[in-house]
Amino acid sequence: MKKSNKHMLRWQIAIQEYRGKITIINKEVNIHNNADGLSRKELANTPNNPGYVSLEAEPQIPIEGINIIDVGTEFFKEVREAYKKTIIAIS
């Protein structure tokens, strides 16, 4: 194999137990175009999967996001009033 990718590596691991018992022949896509779906099959979301994401995990929310969400309309009202006073003072 010239260059490995994650799909090919998964296939190599999956068929290791059959080494010496089977022959694998690569066919070009334009000759055998209905087999591509096998290499694109999604892995199950289980702890055995290296890309496993626990659905029970709490989402990580940055503190900055909480501060921005908690800013109420009163804060913006105070900013507008202070801005108006600054414009009047400069004029």
PDB file of N, CA and C in Angstrom:
ATOM      1  N   MET A   1       0.851  -1.169   0.000  1.00  0.00           N
ATOM      2  CA  MET A   1       0.000   0.000   0.000  1.00  0.00           C
ATOM      3  C   MET A   1       0.899   1.235   0.000  1.00  0.00           C
ATOM      4  N   LYS A   2       0.634   2.146  -0.924  1.00  0.00           N
ATOM      5  CA  LYS A   2       1.473   3.332  -1.048  1.00  0.00           C
ATOM      6  C   LYS A   2       1.259   4.300   0.104  1.00  0.00           C
ATOM      7  N   LYS A   3       0.011   4.617   0.400  1.00  0.00           N
ATOM      8  CA  LYS A   3      -0.302   5.583   1.448  1.00  0.00           C
ATOM      9  C   LYS A   3      -1.509   5.080   2.232  1.00  0.00           C
ATOM     10  N   SER A   4      -1.382   5.018   3.549  1.00  0.00           N
ATOM     11  CA  SER A   4      -2.473   4.520   4.377  1.00  0.00           C
ATOM     12  C   SER A   4      -3.429   5.649   4.730  1.00  0.00           C
ATOM     13  N   ASN A   5      -4.684   5.298   4.882  1.00  0.00           N
ATOM     14  CA  ASN A   5      -5.648   6.227   5.447  1.00  0.00           C
ATOM     15  C   ASN A   5      -6.460   5.466   6.480  1.00  0.00           C
ATOM     16  N   LYS A   6      -7.297   6.169   7.238  1.00  0.00           N
ATOM     17  CA  LYS A   6      -7.981   5.509   8.347  1.00  0.00           C
ATOM     18  C   LYS A   6      -8.947   4.423   7.881  1.00  0.00           C
ATOM     19  N   HIS A   7      -9.556   4.594   6.716  1.00  0.00           N
ATOM     20  CA  HIS A   7     -10.464   3.555   6.217  1.00  0.00           C
ATOM     21  C   HIS A   7      -9.701   2.270   5.903  1.00  0.00           C
ATOM     22  N   MET A   8      -8.578   2.408   5.219  1.00  0.00           N
ATOM     23  CA  MET A   8      -7.791   1.231   4.860  1.00  0.00           C
ATOM     24  C   MET A   8      -7.202   0.563   6.101  1.00  0.00           C
ATOM     25  N   LEU A   9      -6.770   1.357   7.073  1.00  0.00           N
ATOM     26  CA  LEU A   9      -6.218   0.767   8.296  1.00  0.00           C
ATOM     27  C   LEU A   9      -7.280  -0.024   9.049  1.00  0.00           C
ATOM     28  N   ARG A  10      -8.510   0.488   9.082  1.00  0.00           N
ATOM     29  CA  ARG A  10      -9.585  -0.257   9.748  1.00  0.00           C
ATOM     30  C   ARG A  10      -9.854  -1.572   9.032  1.00  0.00           C
ATOM     31  N   TRP A  11      -9.819  -1.538   7.693  1.00  0.00           N
ATOM     32  CA  TRP A  11     -10.018  -2.770   6.942  1.00  0.00           C
ATOM     33  C   TRP A  11      -8.884  -3.755   7.205  1.00  0.00           C
ATOM     34  N   GLN A  12      -7.658  -3.266   7.281  1.00  0.00           N
ATOM     35  CA  GLN A  12      -6.522  -4.153   7.547  1.00  0.00           C
ATOM     36  C   GLN A  12      -6.675  -4.832   8.900  1.00  0.00           C
ATOM     37  N   ILE A  13      -7.089  -4.075   9.897  1.00  0.00           N
ATOM     38  CA  ILE A  13      -7.273  -4.648  11.240  1.00  0.00           C
ATOM     39  C   ILE A  13      -8.411  -5.666  11.226  1.00  0.00           C
ATOM     40  N   ALA A  14      -9.500  -5.335  10.537  1.00  0.00           N
ATOM     41  CA  ALA A  14     -10.674  -6.211  10.522  1.00  0.00           C
ATOM     42  C   ALA A  14     -10.398  -7.551   9.847  1.00  0.00           C
ATOM     43  N   ILE A  15      -9.534  -7.582   8.843  1.00  0.00           N
ATOM     44  CA  ILE A  15      -9.315  -8.832   8.097  1.00  0.00           C
ATOM     45  C   ILE A  15      -8.026  -9.554   8.493  1.00  0.00           C
ATOM     46  N   GLN A  16      -7.330  -9.100   9.526  1.00  0.00           N
ATOM     47  CA  GLN A  16      -6.082  -9.753   9.939  1.00  0.00           C
ATOM     48  C   GLN A  16      -6.272 -11.221  10.276  1.00  0.00           C
ATOM     49  N   GLU A  17      -7.401 -11.554  10.897  1.00  0.00           N
ATOM     50  CA  GLU A  17      -7.607 -12.945  11.305  1.00  0.00           C
ATOM     51  C   GLU A  17      -7.741 -13.888  10.104  1.00  0.00           C
ATOM     52  N   TYR A  18      -8.033 -13.351   8.925  1.00  0.00           N
ATOM     53  CA  TYR A  18      -8.179 -14.172   7.722  1.00  0.00           C
ATOM     54  C   TYR A  18      -6.912 -14.196   6.876  1.00  0.00           C
ATOM     55  N   ARG A  19      -5.829 -13.649   7.393  1.00  0.00           N
ATOM     56  CA  ARG A  19      -4.574 -13.565   6.637  1.00  0.00           C
ATOM     57  C   ARG A  19      -4.115 -14.967   6.217  1.00  0.00           C
ATOM     58  N   GLY A  20      -3.788 -15.110   4.956  1.00  0.00           N
ATOM     59  CA  GLY A  20      -3.358 -16.400   4.436  1.00  0.00           C
ATOM     60  C   GLY A  20      -4.501 -17.296   3.998  1.00  0.00           C
ATOM     61  N   LYS A  21      -5.748 -16.933   4.345  1.00  0.00           N
ATOM     62  CA  LYS A  21      -6.905 -17.753   3.994  1.00  0.00           C
ATOM     63  C   LYS A  21      -7.717 -17.148   2.850  1.00  0.00           C
ATOM     64  N   ILE A  22      -7.508 -15.859   2.587  1.00  0.00           N
ATOM     65  CA  ILE A  22      -8.275 -15.201   1.532  1.00  0.00           C
ATOM     66  C   ILE A  22      -7.344 -14.401   0.630  1.00  0.00           C
ATOM     67  N   THR A  23      -7.846 -14.068  -0.537  1.00  0.00           N
ATOM     68  CA  THR A  23      -7.121 -13.206  -1.465  1.00  0.00           C
ATOM     69  C   THR A  23      -7.985 -11.983  -1.733  1.00  0.00           C
ATOM     70  N   ILE A  24      -7.398 -10.821  -1.571  1.00  0.00           N
ATOM     71  CA  ILE A  24      -8.127  -9.573  -1.802  1.00  0.00           C
ATOM     72  C   ILE A  24      -7.629  -8.977  -3.105  1.00  0.00           C
ATOM     73  N   ILE A  25      -8.565  -8.652  -3.977  1.00  0.00           N
ATOM     74  CA  ILE A  25      -8.229  -8.057  -5.269  1.00  0.00           C
ATOM     75  C   ILE A  25      -8.860  -6.673  -5.329  1.00  0.00           C
ATOM     76  N   ASN A  26      -8.041  -5.663  -5.524  1.00  0.00           N
ATOM     77  CA  ASN A  26      -8.529  -4.295  -5.633  1.00  0.00           C
ATOM     78  C   ASN A  26      -9.037  -4.055  -7.048  1.00  0.00           C
ATOM     79  N   LYS A  27     -10.245  -3.514  -7.151  1.00  0.00           N
ATOM     80  CA  LYS A  27     -10.812  -3.173  -8.453  1.00  0.00           C
ATOM     81  C   LYS A  27     -11.033  -1.667  -8.495  1.00  0.00           C
ATOM     82  N   GLU A  28     -10.759  -1.075  -9.637  1.00  0.00           N
ATOM     83  CA  GLU A  28     -10.949   0.361  -9.807  1.00  0.00           C
ATOM     84  C   GLU A  28     -12.432   0.712  -9.669  1.00  0.00           C
ATOM     85  N   VAL A  29     -12.717   1.922  -9.235  1.00  0.00           N
ATOM     86  CA  VAL A  29     -14.094   2.356  -9.025  1.00  0.00           C
ATOM     87  C   VAL A  29     -14.916   2.269 -10.306  1.00  0.00           C
ATOM     88  N   ASN A  30     -14.333   2.648 -11.429  1.00  0.00           N
ATOM     89  CA  ASN A  30     -15.106   2.624 -12.676  1.00  0.00           C
ATOM     90  C   ASN A  30     -15.437   1.205 -13.140  1.00  0.00           C
ATOM     91  N   ILE A  31     -14.746   0.203 -12.624  1.00  0.00           N
ATOM     92  CA  ILE A  31     -15.031  -1.192 -12.969  1.00  0.00           C
ATOM     93  C   ILE A  31     -16.018  -1.804 -11.974  1.00  0.00           C
ATOM     94  N   HIS A  32     -15.861  -1.473 -10.710  1.00  0.00           N
ATOM     95  CA  HIS A  32     -16.639  -2.101  -9.635  1.00  0.00           C
ATOM     96  C   HIS A  32     -17.171  -0.999  -8.713  1.00  0.00           C
ATOM     97  N   ASN A  33     -18.093  -0.191  -9.201  1.00  0.00           N
ATOM     98  CA  ASN A  33     -18.501   1.005  -8.469  1.00  0.00           C
ATOM     99  C   ASN A  33     -19.526   0.786  -7.368  1.00  0.00           C
ATOM    100  N   ASN A  34     -20.030  -0.406  -7.143  1.00  0.00           N
ATOM    101  CA  ASN A  34     -21.033  -0.604  -6.100  1.00  0.00           C
ATOM    102  C   ASN A  34     -20.436  -1.028  -4.757  1.00  0.00           C
ATOM    103  N   ALA A  35     -19.124  -1.129  -4.637  1.00  0.00           N
ATOM    104  CA  ALA A  35     -18.514  -1.570  -3.381  1.00  0.00           C
ATOM    105  C   ALA A  35     -18.041  -0.413  -2.512  1.00  0.00           C
ATOM    106  N   ASP A  36     -18.145   0.812  -2.995  1.00  0.00           N
ATOM    107  CA  ASP A  36     -17.628   1.956  -2.255  1.00  0.00           C
ATOM    108  C   ASP A  36     -18.334   2.153  -0.919  1.00  0.00           C
ATOM    109  N   GLY A  37     -19.591   1.773  -0.828  1.00  0.00           N
ATOM    110  CA  GLY A  37     -20.339   1.949   0.415  1.00  0.00           C
ATOM    111  C   GLY A  37     -19.736   1.204   1.593  1.00  0.00           C
ATOM    112  N   LEU A  38     -19.059   0.107   1.351  1.00  0.00           N
ATOM    113  CA  LEU A  38     -18.449  -0.646   2.443  1.00  0.00           C
ATOM    114  C   LEU A  38     -17.380   0.157   3.159  1.00  0.00           C
ATOM    115  N   SER A  39     -16.599   0.926   2.424  1.00  0.00           N
ATOM    116  CA  SER A  39     -15.523   1.680   3.056  1.00  0.00           C
ATOM    117  C   SER A  39     -16.039   2.925   3.759  1.00  0.00           C
ATOM    118  N   ARG A  40     -17.277   3.303   3.531  1.00  0.00           N
ATOM    119  CA  ARG A  40     -17.828   4.507   4.138  1.00  0.00           C
ATOM    120  C   ARG A  40     -18.812   4.199   5.261  1.00  0.00           C
ATOM    121  N   LYS A  41     -18.945   2.949   5.627  1.00  0.00           N
ATOM    122  CA  LYS A  41     -19.866   2.587   6.690  1.00  0.00           C
ATOM    123  C   LYS A  41     -19.418   3.232   7.996  1.00  0.00           C
ATOM    124  N   GLU A  42     -20.350   3.891   8.677  1.00  0.00           N
ATOM    125  CA  GLU A  42     -20.023   4.559   9.929  1.00  0.00           C
ATOM    126  C   GLU A  42     -19.812   3.532  11.037  1.00  0.00           C
ATOM    127  N   LEU A  43     -18.901   3.863  11.943  1.00  0.00           N
ATOM    128  CA  LEU A  43     -18.679   3.013  13.099  1.00  0.00           C
ATOM    129  C   LEU A  43     -19.726   3.314  14.156  1.00  0.00           C
ATOM    130  N   ALA A  44     -20.095   2.295  14.909  1.00  0.00           N
ATOM    131  CA  ALA A  44     -21.048   2.494  15.997  1.00  0.00           C
ATOM    132  C   ALA A  44     -20.417   3.353  17.086  1.00  0.00           C
ATOM    133  N   ASN A  45     -21.225   4.147  17.762  1.00  0.00           N
ATOM    134  CA  ASN A  45     -20.735   5.006  18.839  1.00  0.00           C
ATOM    135  C   ASN A  45     -20.665   4.185  20.133  1.00  0.00           C
ATOM    136  N   THR A  46     -19.639   3.329  20.215  1.00  0.00           N
ATOM    137  CA  THR A  46     -19.431   2.480  21.383  1.00  0.00           C
ATOM    138  C   THR A  46     -18.061   2.775  21.974  1.00  0.00           C
ATOM    139  N   PRO A  47     -17.828   2.405  23.234  1.00  0.00           N
ATOM    140  CA  PRO A  47     -16.509   2.657  23.842  1.00  0.00           C
ATOM    141  C   PRO A  47     -15.355   2.003  23.086  1.00  0.00           C
ATOM    142  N   ASN A  48     -15.613   0.982  22.267  1.00  0.00           N
ATOM    143  CA  ASN A  48     -14.553   0.346  21.479  1.00  0.00           C
ATOM    144  C   ASN A  48     -14.105   1.209  20.308  1.00  0.00           C
ATOM    145  N   ASN A  49     -14.931   2.162  19.911  1.00  0.00           N
ATOM    146  CA  ASN A  49     -14.621   3.054  18.792  1.00  0.00           C
ATOM    147  C   ASN A  49     -13.669   4.149  19.273  1.00  0.00           C
ATOM    148  N   PRO A  50     -12.524   4.351  18.603  1.00  0.00           N
ATOM    149  CA  PRO A  50     -11.588   5.403  19.023  1.00  0.00           C
ATOM    150  C   PRO A  50     -12.199   6.802  18.994  1.00  0.00           C
ATOM    151  N   GLY A  51     -13.231   7.013  18.183  1.00  0.00           N
ATOM    152  CA  GLY A  51     -13.887   8.321  18.116  1.00  0.00           C
ATOM    153  C   GLY A  51     -15.129   8.405  18.987  1.00  0.00           C
ATOM    154  N   TYR A  52     -15.245   7.521  19.982  1.00  0.00           N
ATOM    155  CA  TYR A  52     -16.429   7.444  20.848  1.00  0.00           C
ATOM    156  C   TYR A  52     -16.688   8.755  21.580  1.00  0.00           C
ATOM    157  N   VAL A  53     -17.948   9.186  21.571  1.00  0.00           N
ATOM    158  CA  VAL A  53     -18.371  10.372  22.314  1.00  0.00           C
ATOM    159  C   VAL A  53     -19.519   9.943  23.209  1.00  0.00           C
ATOM    160  N   SER A  54     -19.334  10.098  24.510  1.00  0.00           N
ATOM    161  CA  SER A  54     -20.374   9.719  25.455  1.00  0.00           C
ATOM    162  C   SER A  54     -21.554  10.672  25.316  1.00  0.00           C
ATOM    163  N   LEU A  55     -22.744  10.131  25.161  1.00  0.00           N
ATOM    164  CA  LEU A  55     -23.934  10.963  25.036  1.00  0.00           C
ATOM    165  C   LEU A  55     -24.377  11.498  26.388  1.00  0.00           C
ATOM    166  N   GLU A  56     -23.852  10.930  27.465  1.00  0.00           N
ATOM    167  CA  GLU A  56     -24.202  11.374  28.805  1.00  0.00           C
ATOM    168  C   GLU A  56     -23.282  12.480  29.304  1.00  0.00           C
ATOM    169  N   ALA A  57     -22.246  12.793  28.554  1.00  0.00           N
ATOM    170  CA  ALA A  57     -21.278  13.800  28.989  1.00  0.00           C
ATOM    171  C   ALA A  57     -21.921  15.181  28.998  1.00  0.00           C
ATOM    172  N   GLU A  58     -21.562  15.966  29.997  1.00  0.00           N
ATOM    173  CA  GLU A  58     -22.036  17.340  30.090  1.00  0.00           C
ATOM    174  C   GLU A  58     -21.342  18.179  29.030  1.00  0.00           C
ATOM    175  N   PRO A  59     -22.063  19.024  28.335  1.00  0.00           N
ATOM    176  CA  PRO A  59     -21.393  19.883  27.354  1.00  0.00           C
ATOM    177  C   PRO A  59     -20.479  20.889  28.047  1.00  0.00           C
ATOM    178  N   GLN A  60     -19.334  21.125  27.453  1.00  0.00           N
ATOM    179  CA  GLN A  60     -18.382  22.081  28.000  1.00  0.00           C
ATOM    180  C   GLN A  60     -18.737  23.469  27.488  1.00  0.00           C
ATOM    181  N   ILE A  61     -19.206  24.335  28.380  1.00  0.00           N
ATOM    182  CA  ILE A  61     -19.570  25.696  28.008  1.00  0.00           C
ATOM    183  C   ILE A  61     -18.515  26.630  28.578  1.00  0.00           C
ATOM    184  N   PRO A  62     -17.887  27.428  27.729  1.00  0.00           N
ATOM    185  CA  PRO A  62     -16.867  28.340  28.248  1.00  0.00           C
ATOM    186  C   PRO A  62     -17.481  29.392  29.166  1.00  0.00           C
ATOM    187  N   ILE A  63     -16.706  29.812  30.151  1.00  0.00           N
ATOM    188  CA  ILE A  63     -17.190  30.804  31.116  1.00  0.00           C
ATOM    189  C   ILE A  63     -17.585  32.093  30.409  1.00  0.00           C
ATOM    190  N   GLU A  64     -16.847  32.483  29.371  1.00  0.00           N
ATOM    191  CA  GLU A  64     -17.173  33.707  28.644  1.00  0.00           C
ATOM    192  C   GLU A  64     -18.582  33.630  28.068  1.00  0.00           C
ATOM    193  N   GLY A  65     -18.974  32.455  27.614  1.00  0.00           N
ATOM    194  CA  GLY A  65     -20.308  32.287  27.050  1.00  0.00           C
ATOM    195  C   GLY A  65     -21.383  32.504  28.092  1.00  0.00           C
ATOM    196  N   ILE A  66     -21.138  32.046  29.312  1.00  0.00           N
ATOM    197  CA  ILE A  66     -22.101  32.232  30.392  1.00  0.00           C
ATOM    198  C   ILE A  66     -22.231  33.713  30.716  1.00  0.00           C
ATOM    199  N   ASN A  67     -21.115  34.418  30.766  1.00  0.00           N
ATOM    200  CA  ASN A  67     -21.164  35.846  31.065  1.00  0.00           C
ATOM    201  C   ASN A  67     -21.940  36.610  30.005  1.00  0.00           C
ATOM    202  N   ILE A  68     -21.737  36.274  28.756  1.00  0.00           N
ATOM    203  CA  ILE A  68     -22.436  36.971  27.675  1.00  0.00           C
ATOM    204  C   ILE A  68     -23.924  36.664  27.722  1.00  0.00           C
ATOM    205  N   ILE A  69     -24.283  35.446  27.996  1.00  0.00           N
ATOM    206  CA  ILE A  69     -25.689  35.055  28.047  1.00  0.00           C
ATOM    207  C   ILE A  69     -26.393  35.731  29.216  1.00  0.00           C
ATOM    208  N   ASP A  70     -25.701  35.891  30.342  1.00  0.00           N
ATOM    209  CA  ASP A  70     -26.318  36.445  31.537  1.00  0.00           C
ATOM    210  C   ASP A  70     -26.487  37.961  31.501  1.00  0.00           C
ATOM    211  N   VAL A  71     -25.904  38.639  30.520  1.00  0.00           N
ATOM    212  CA  VAL A  71     -26.044  40.088  30.432  1.00  0.00           C
ATOM    213  C   VAL A  71     -27.477  40.397  30.026  1.00  0.00           C
ATOM    214  N   GLY A  72     -28.167  41.173  30.863  1.00  0.00           N
ATOM    215  CA  GLY A  72     -29.570  41.479  30.605  1.00  0.00           C
ATOM    216  C   GLY A  72     -29.759  42.790  29.874  1.00  0.00           C
ATOM    217  N   THR A  73     -31.005  43.122  29.629  1.00  0.00           N
ATOM    218  CA  THR A  73     -31.325  44.358  28.912  1.00  0.00           C
ATOM    219  C   THR A  73     -30.977  45.590  29.729  1.00  0.00           C
ATOM    220  N   GLU A  74     -30.981  45.486  31.052  1.00  0.00           N
ATOM    221  CA  GLU A  74     -30.629  46.637  31.896  1.00  0.00           C
ATOM    222  C   GLU A  74     -29.191  47.074  31.645  1.00  0.00           C
ATOM    223  N   PHE A  75     -28.307  46.128  31.437  1.00  0.00           N
ATOM    224  CA  PHE A  75     -26.908  46.458  31.161  1.00  0.00           C
ATOM    225  C   PHE A  75     -26.805  47.304  29.896  1.00  0.00           C
ATOM    226  N   PHE A  76     -27.489  46.874  28.843  1.00  0.00           N
ATOM    227  CA  PHE A  76     -27.427  47.613  27.581  1.00  0.00           C
ATOM    228  C   PHE A  76     -28.082  48.989  27.718  1.00  0.00           C
ATOM    229  N   LYS A  77     -29.128  49.086  28.533  1.00  0.00           N
ATOM    230  CA  LYS A  77     -29.774  50.380  28.775  1.00  0.00           C
ATOM    231  C   LYS A  77     -28.787  51.329  29.448  1.00  0.00           C
ATOM    232  N   GLU A  78     -28.043  50.841  30.437  1.00  0.00           N
ATOM    233  CA  GLU A  78     -27.040  51.667  31.121  1.00  0.00           C
ATOM    234  C   GLU A  78     -25.935  52.101  30.162  1.00  0.00           C
ATOM    235  N   VAL A  79     -25.522  51.215  29.270  1.00  0.00           N
ATOM    236  CA  VAL A  79     -24.485  51.558  28.292  1.00  0.00           C
ATOM    237  C   VAL A  79     -24.990  52.658  27.366  1.00  0.00           C
ATOM    238  N   ARG A  80     -26.251  52.538  26.896  1.00  0.00           N
ATOM    239  CA  ARG A  80     -26.815  53.566  26.015  1.00  0.00           C
ATOM    240  C   ARG A  80     -26.888  54.921  26.714  1.00  0.00           C
ATOM    241  N   GLU A  81     -27.331  54.926  27.971  1.00  0.00           N
ATOM    242  CA  GLU A  81     -27.442  56.180  28.730  1.00  0.00           C
ATOM    243  C   GLU A  81     -26.068  56.809  28.932  1.00  0.00           C
ATOM    244  N   ALA A  82     -25.083  55.999  29.263  1.00  0.00           N
ATOM    245  CA  ALA A  82     -23.726  56.520  29.457  1.00  0.00           C
ATOM    246  C   ALA A  82     -23.176  57.061  28.143  1.00  0.00           C
ATOM    247  N   TYR A  83     -23.487  56.400  27.050  1.00  0.00           N
ATOM    248  CA  TYR A  83     -23.023  56.847  25.733  1.00  0.00           C
ATOM    249  C   TYR A  83     -23.657  58.196  25.381  1.00  0.00           C
ATOM    250  N   LYS A  84     -24.958  58.351  25.674  1.00  0.00           N
ATOM    251  CA  LYS A  84     -25.644  59.623  25.400  1.00  0.00           C
ATOM    252  C   LYS A  84     -25.032  60.752  26.226  1.00  0.00           C
ATOM    253  N   LYS A  85     -24.731  60.486  27.501  1.00  0.00           N
ATOM    254  CA  LYS A  85     -24.133  61.507  28.372  1.00  0.00           C
ATOM    255  C   LYS A  85     -22.760  61.908  27.851  1.00  0.00           C
ATOM    256  N   THR A  86     -21.999  60.939  27.347  1.00  0.00           N
ATOM    257  CA  THR A  86     -20.662  61.233  26.823  1.00  0.00           C
ATOM    258  C   THR A  86     -20.765  62.112  25.585  1.00  0.00           C
ATOM    259  N   ILE A  87     -21.723  61.845  24.721  1.00  0.00           N
ATOM    260  CA  ILE A  87     -21.901  62.649  23.504  1.00  0.00           C
ATOM    261  C   ILE A  87     -22.299  64.075  23.873  1.00  0.00           C
ATOM    262  N   ILE A  88     -23.188  64.233  24.848  1.00  0.00           N
ATOM    263  CA  ILE A  88     -23.616  65.570  25.282  1.00  0.00           C
ATOM    264  C   ILE A  88     -22.441  66.325  25.885  1.00  0.00           C
ATOM    265  N   ALA A  89     -21.629  65.651  26.690  1.00  0.00           N
ATOM    266  CA  ALA A  89     -20.484  66.300  27.339  1.00  0.00           C
ATOM    267  C   ALA A  89     -19.449  66.742  26.313  1.00  0.00           C
ATOM    268  N   ILE A  90     -19.262  65.986  25.252  1.00  0.00           N
ATOM    269  CA  ILE A  90     -18.267  66.327  24.229  1.00  0.00           C
ATOM    270  C   ILE A  90     -18.766  67.490  23.373  1.00  0.00           C
ATOM    271  N   SER A  91     -20.058  67.566  23.126  1.00  0.00           N
ATOM    272  CA  SER A  91     -20.611  68.600  22.250  1.00  0.00           C
ATOM    273  C   SER A  91     -20.411  69.916  22.821  1.00  0.00           C
TER     274      SER A  91
END
